[in-house]
Amino acid sequence: MVKFIVPAVIIFLIVLFWEKINDAIYKKFNVKINYIVLILSILIFGVIFALLYF
């Protein structure tokens, strides 16, 4: 049961504090994390679809 609760709490905290995390990374690296997440998700979906196609 703990293996389901701990990741759920971690994901909930990430969603809850997303703006603060985004601002901190933007101040440190001058890059919006939303763009990084978008590019990574597109790459992951592309790899999955490529593997399913071939």
PDB file of N, CA and C in Angstrom:
ATOM      1  N   MET A   1       0.822  -1.194   0.000  1.00  0.00           N
ATOM      2  CA  MET A   1       0.000   0.000   0.000  1.00  0.00           C
ATOM      3  C   MET A   1       0.870   1.263   0.000  1.00  0.00           C
ATOM      4  N   VAL A   2       2.015   1.181   0.653  1.00  0.00           N
ATOM      5  CA  VAL A   2       2.913   2.325   0.722  1.00  0.00           C
ATOM      6  C   VAL A   2       3.455   2.647  -0.662  1.00  0.00           C
ATOM      7  N   LYS A   3       3.673   1.625  -1.492  1.00  0.00           N
ATOM      8  CA  LYS A   3       4.219   1.865  -2.821  1.00  0.00           C
ATOM      9  C   LYS A   3       3.239   2.605  -3.723  1.00  0.00           C
ATOM     10  N   PHE A   4       1.972   2.676  -3.352  1.00  0.00           N
ATOM     11  CA  PHE A   4       0.985   3.459  -4.101  1.00  0.00           C
ATOM     12  C   PHE A   4       0.787   4.846  -3.504  1.00  0.00           C
ATOM     13  N   ILE A   5       0.910   4.960  -2.205  1.00  0.00           N
ATOM     14  CA  ILE A   5       0.650   6.227  -1.524  1.00  0.00           C
ATOM     15  C   ILE A   5       1.801   7.212  -1.718  1.00  0.00           C
ATOM     16  N   VAL A   6       3.035   6.758  -1.586  1.00  0.00           N
ATOM     17  CA  VAL A   6       4.191   7.655  -1.688  1.00  0.00           C
ATOM     18  C   VAL A   6       4.286   8.306  -3.067  1.00  0.00           C
ATOM     19  N   PRO A   7       4.206   7.567  -4.182  1.00  0.00           N
ATOM     20  CA  PRO A   7       4.235   8.258  -5.483  1.00  0.00           C
ATOM     21  C   PRO A   7       3.043   9.187  -5.696  1.00  0.00           C
ATOM     22  N   ALA A   8       1.882   8.817  -5.173  1.00  0.00           N
ATOM     23  CA  ALA A   8       0.712   9.680  -5.306  1.00  0.00           C
ATOM     24  C   ALA A   8       0.924  10.992  -4.559  1.00  0.00           C
ATOM     25  N   VAL A   9       1.512  10.945  -3.390  1.00  0.00           N
ATOM     26  CA  VAL A   9       1.787  12.155  -2.617  1.00  0.00           C
ATOM     27  C   VAL A   9       2.836  13.001  -3.325  1.00  0.00           C
ATOM     28  N   ILE A  10       3.865  12.363  -3.872  1.00  0.00           N
ATOM     29  CA  ILE A  10       4.916  13.099  -4.585  1.00  0.00           C
ATOM     30  C   ILE A  10       4.344  13.800  -5.813  1.00  0.00           C
ATOM     31  N   ILE A  11       3.527  13.104  -6.588  1.00  0.00           N
ATOM     32  CA  ILE A  11       2.904  13.709  -7.767  1.00  0.00           C
ATOM     33  C   ILE A  11       1.968  14.836  -7.357  1.00  0.00           C
ATOM     34  N   PHE A  12       1.220  14.648  -6.273  1.00  0.00           N
ATOM     35  CA  PHE A  12       0.329  15.694  -5.784  1.00  0.00           C
ATOM     36  C   PHE A  12       1.104  16.942  -5.382  1.00  0.00           C
ATOM     37  N   LEU A  13       2.237  16.772  -4.704  1.00  0.00           N
ATOM     38  CA  LEU A  13       3.045  17.924  -4.298  1.00  0.00           C
ATOM     39  C   LEU A  13       3.669  18.617  -5.501  1.00  0.00           C
ATOM     40  N   ILE A  14       4.082  17.861  -6.514  1.00  0.00           N
ATOM     41  CA  ILE A  14       4.624  18.476  -7.725  1.00  0.00           C
ATOM     42  C   ILE A  14       3.552  19.301  -8.422  1.00  0.00           C
ATOM     43  N   VAL A  15       2.353  18.763  -8.515  1.00  0.00           N
ATOM     44  CA  VAL A  15       1.254  19.502  -9.154  1.00  0.00           C
ATOM     45  C   VAL A  15       0.895  20.734  -8.325  1.00  0.00           C
ATOM     46  N   LEU A  16       0.886  20.584  -7.020  1.00  0.00           N
ATOM     47  CA  LEU A  16       0.506  21.678  -6.133  1.00  0.00           C
ATOM     48  C   LEU A  16       1.506  22.840  -6.198  1.00  0.00           C
ATOM     49  N   PHE A  17       2.807  22.527  -6.252  1.00  0.00           N
ATOM     50  CA  PHE A  17       3.845  23.559  -6.237  1.00  0.00           C
ATOM     51  C   PHE A  17       4.497  23.753  -7.603  1.00  0.00           C
ATOM     52  N   TRP A  18       3.772  23.453  -8.689  1.00  0.00           N
ATOM     53  CA  TRP A  18       4.348  23.529 -10.033  1.00  0.00           C
ATOM     54  C   TRP A  18       4.831  24.933 -10.370  1.00  0.00           C
ATOM     55  N   GLU A  19       4.081  25.953 -10.029  1.00  0.00           N
ATOM     56  CA  GLU A  19       4.470  27.332 -10.352  1.00  0.00           C
ATOM     57  C   GLU A  19       5.750  27.739  -9.627  1.00  0.00           C
ATOM     58  N   LYS A  20       5.875  27.365  -8.360  1.00  0.00           N
ATOM     59  CA  LYS A  20       7.082  27.704  -7.605  1.00  0.00           C
ATOM     60  C   LYS A  20       8.291  26.966  -8.158  1.00  0.00           C
ATOM     61  N   ILE A  21       8.116  25.699  -8.524  1.00  0.00           N
ATOM     62  CA  ILE A  21       9.210  24.929  -9.122  1.00  0.00           C
ATOM     63  C   ILE A  21       9.603  25.554 -10.451  1.00  0.00           C
ATOM     64  N   ASN A  22       8.603  25.919 -11.251  1.00  0.00           N
ATOM     65  CA  ASN A  22       8.856  26.522 -12.558  1.00  0.00           C
ATOM     66  C   ASN A  22       9.599  27.857 -12.422  1.00  0.00           C
ATOM     67  N   ASP A  23       9.191  28.676 -11.475  1.00  0.00           N
ATOM     68  CA  ASP A  23       9.860  29.965 -11.266  1.00  0.00           C
ATOM     69  C   ASP A  23      11.297  29.788 -10.784  1.00  0.00           C
ATOM     70  N   ALA A  24      11.531  28.833  -9.906  1.00  0.00           N
ATOM     71  CA  ALA A  24      12.882  28.606  -9.391  1.00  0.00           C
ATOM     72  C   ALA A  24      13.818  28.141 -10.500  1.00  0.00           C
ATOM     73  N   ILE A  25      13.360  27.245 -11.341  1.00  0.00           N
ATOM     74  CA  ILE A  25      14.194  26.758 -12.444  1.00  0.00           C
ATOM     75  C   ILE A  25      14.390  27.856 -13.487  1.00  0.00           C
ATOM     76  N   TYR A  26      13.355  28.674 -13.710  1.00  0.00           N
ATOM     77  CA  TYR A  26      13.491  29.778 -14.662  1.00  0.00           C
ATOM     78  C   TYR A  26      14.524  30.799 -14.182  1.00  0.00           C
ATOM     79  N   LYS A  27      14.538  31.082 -12.884  1.00  0.00           N
ATOM     80  CA  LYS A  27      15.512  32.037 -12.343  1.00  0.00           C
ATOM     81  C   LYS A  27      16.930  31.475 -12.402  1.00  0.00           C
ATOM     82  N   LYS A  28      17.069  30.159 -12.200  1.00  0.00           N
ATOM     83  CA  LYS A  28      18.396  29.567 -12.155  1.00  0.00           C
ATOM     84  C   LYS A  28      18.968  29.319 -13.551  1.00  0.00           C
ATOM     85  N   PHE A  29      18.156  28.765 -14.463  1.00  0.00           N
ATOM     86  CA  PHE A  29      18.659  28.370 -15.779  1.00  0.00           C
ATOM     87  C   PHE A  29      18.129  29.223 -16.924  1.00  0.00           C
ATOM     88  N   ASN A  30      17.188  30.121 -16.637  1.00  0.00           N
ATOM     89  CA  ASN A  30      16.577  30.996 -17.648  1.00  0.00           C
ATOM     90  C   ASN A  30      15.884  30.187 -18.755  1.00  0.00           C
ATOM     91  N   VAL A  31      15.273  29.070 -18.360  1.00  0.00           N
ATOM     92  CA  VAL A  31      14.522  28.218 -19.288  1.00  0.00           C
ATOM     93  C   VAL A  31      13.233  27.816 -18.589  1.00  0.00           C
ATOM     94  N   LYS A  32      12.128  27.939 -19.301  1.00  0.00           N
ATOM     95  CA  LYS A  32      10.853  27.498 -18.731  1.00  0.00           C
ATOM     96  C   LYS A  32      10.797  25.983 -18.741  1.00  0.00           C
ATOM     97  N   ILE A  33      10.429  25.395 -17.626  1.00  0.00           N
ATOM     98  CA  ILE A  33      10.372  23.945 -17.518  1.00  0.00           C
ATOM     99  C   ILE A  33       9.203  23.379 -18.319  1.00  0.00           C
ATOM    100  N   ASN A  34       8.188  24.206 -18.597  1.00  0.00           N
ATOM    101  CA  ASN A  34       7.057  23.729 -19.388  1.00  0.00           C
ATOM    102  C   ASN A  34       7.506  23.291 -20.777  1.00  0.00           C
ATOM    103  N   TYR A  35       8.443  24.036 -21.373  1.00  0.00           N
ATOM    104  CA  TYR A  35       8.951  23.675 -22.694  1.00  0.00           C
ATOM    105  C   TYR A  35       9.740  22.371 -22.638  1.00  0.00           C
ATOM    106  N   ILE A  36      10.507  22.184 -21.581  1.00  0.00           N
ATOM    107  CA  ILE A  36      11.290  20.959 -21.430  1.00  0.00           C
ATOM    108  C   ILE A  36      10.360  19.757 -21.281  1.00  0.00           C
ATOM    109  N   VAL A  37       9.321  19.891 -20.473  1.00  0.00           N
ATOM    110  CA  VAL A  37       8.366  18.797 -20.270  1.00  0.00           C
ATOM    111  C   VAL A  37       7.629  18.498 -21.569  1.00  0.00           C
ATOM    112  N   LEU A  38       7.254  19.513 -22.303  1.00  0.00           N
ATOM    113  CA  LEU A  38       6.558  19.318 -23.572  1.00  0.00           C
ATOM    114  C   LEU A  38       7.439  18.586 -24.578  1.00  0.00           C
ATOM    115  N   ILE A  39       8.695  18.996 -24.700  1.00  0.00           N
ATOM    116  CA  ILE A  39       9.607  18.354 -25.643  1.00  0.00           C
ATOM    117  C   ILE A  39       9.872  16.901 -25.238  1.00  0.00           C
ATOM    118  N   LEU A  40      10.072  16.658 -23.945  1.00  0.00           N
ATOM    119  CA  LEU A  40      10.313  15.285 -23.488  1.00  0.00           C
ATOM    120  C   LEU A  40       9.103  14.389 -23.717  1.00  0.00           C
ATOM    121  N   SER A  41       7.906  14.908 -23.471  1.00  0.00           N
ATOM    122  CA  SER A  41       6.714  14.082 -23.685  1.00  0.00           C
ATOM    123  C   SER A  41       6.509  13.778 -25.169  1.00  0.00           C
ATOM    124  N   ILE A  42       6.791  14.740 -26.040  1.00  0.00           N
ATOM    125  CA  ILE A  42       6.682  14.488 -27.483  1.00  0.00           C
ATOM    126  C   ILE A  42       7.704  13.444 -27.912  1.00  0.00           C
ATOM    127  N   LEU A  43       8.919  13.536 -27.397  1.00  0.00           N
ATOM    128  CA  LEU A  43       9.937  12.540 -27.730  1.00  0.00           C
ATOM    129  C   LEU A  43       9.550  11.150 -27.234  1.00  0.00           C
ATOM    130  N   ILE A  44       9.033  11.062 -26.030  1.00  0.00           N
ATOM    131  CA  ILE A  44       8.638   9.759 -25.483  1.00  0.00           C
ATOM    132  C   ILE A  44       7.497   9.161 -26.297  1.00  0.00           C
ATOM    133  N   PHE A  45       6.488   9.963 -26.625  1.00  0.00           N
ATOM    134  CA  PHE A  45       5.392   9.460 -27.445  1.00  0.00           C
ATOM    135  C   PHE A  45       5.875   9.064 -28.837  1.00  0.00           C
ATOM    136  N   GLY A  46       6.814   9.825 -29.389  1.00  0.00           N
ATOM    137  CA  GLY A  46       7.373   9.480 -30.692  1.00  0.00           C
ATOM    138  C   GLY A  46       8.094   8.150 -30.667  1.00  0.00           C
ATOM    139  N   VAL A  47       8.870   7.912 -29.626  1.00  0.00           N
ATOM    140  CA  VAL A  47       9.582   6.631 -29.501  1.00  0.00           C
ATOM    141  C   VAL A  47       8.598   5.492 -29.320  1.00  0.00           C
ATOM    142  N   ILE A  48       7.575   5.693 -28.495  1.00  0.00           N
ATOM    143  CA  ILE A  48       6.569   4.645 -28.288  1.00  0.00           C
ATOM    144  C   ILE A  48       5.847   4.318 -29.591  1.00  0.00           C
ATOM    145  N   PHE A  49       5.436   5.340 -30.324  1.00  0.00           N
ATOM    146  CA  PHE A  49       4.739   5.093 -31.593  1.00  0.00           C
ATOM    147  C   PHE A  49       5.657   4.445 -32.611  1.00  0.00           C
ATOM    148  N   ALA A  50       6.929   4.815 -32.626  1.00  0.00           N
ATOM    149  CA  ALA A  50       7.882   4.191 -33.545  1.00  0.00           C
ATOM    150  C   ALA A  50       8.076   2.718 -33.200  1.00  0.00           C
ATOM    151  N   LEU A  51       8.154   2.424 -31.913  1.00  0.00           N
ATOM    152  CA  LEU A  51       8.311   1.023 -31.505  1.00  0.00           C
ATOM    153  C   LEU A  51       7.055   0.216 -31.804  1.00  0.00           C
ATOM    154  N   LEU A  52       5.901   0.821 -31.683  1.00  0.00           N
ATOM    155  CA  LEU A  52       4.663   0.108 -31.970  1.00  0.00           C
ATOM    156  C   LEU A  52       4.489  -0.081 -33.485  1.00  0.00           C
ATOM    157  N   TYR A  53       5.017   0.830 -34.274  1.00  0.00           N
ATOM    158  CA  TYR A  53       4.845   0.753 -35.719  1.00  0.00           C
ATOM    159  C   TYR A  53       5.730  -0.325 -36.316  1.00  0.00           C
ATOM    160  N   PHE A  54       6.968  -0.454 -35.833  1.00  0.00           N
ATOM    161  CA  PHE A  54       7.906  -1.405 -36.420  1.00  0.00           C
ATOM    162  C   PHE A  54       7.937  -2.711 -35.689  1.00  0.00           C
TER     163      PHE A  54
END
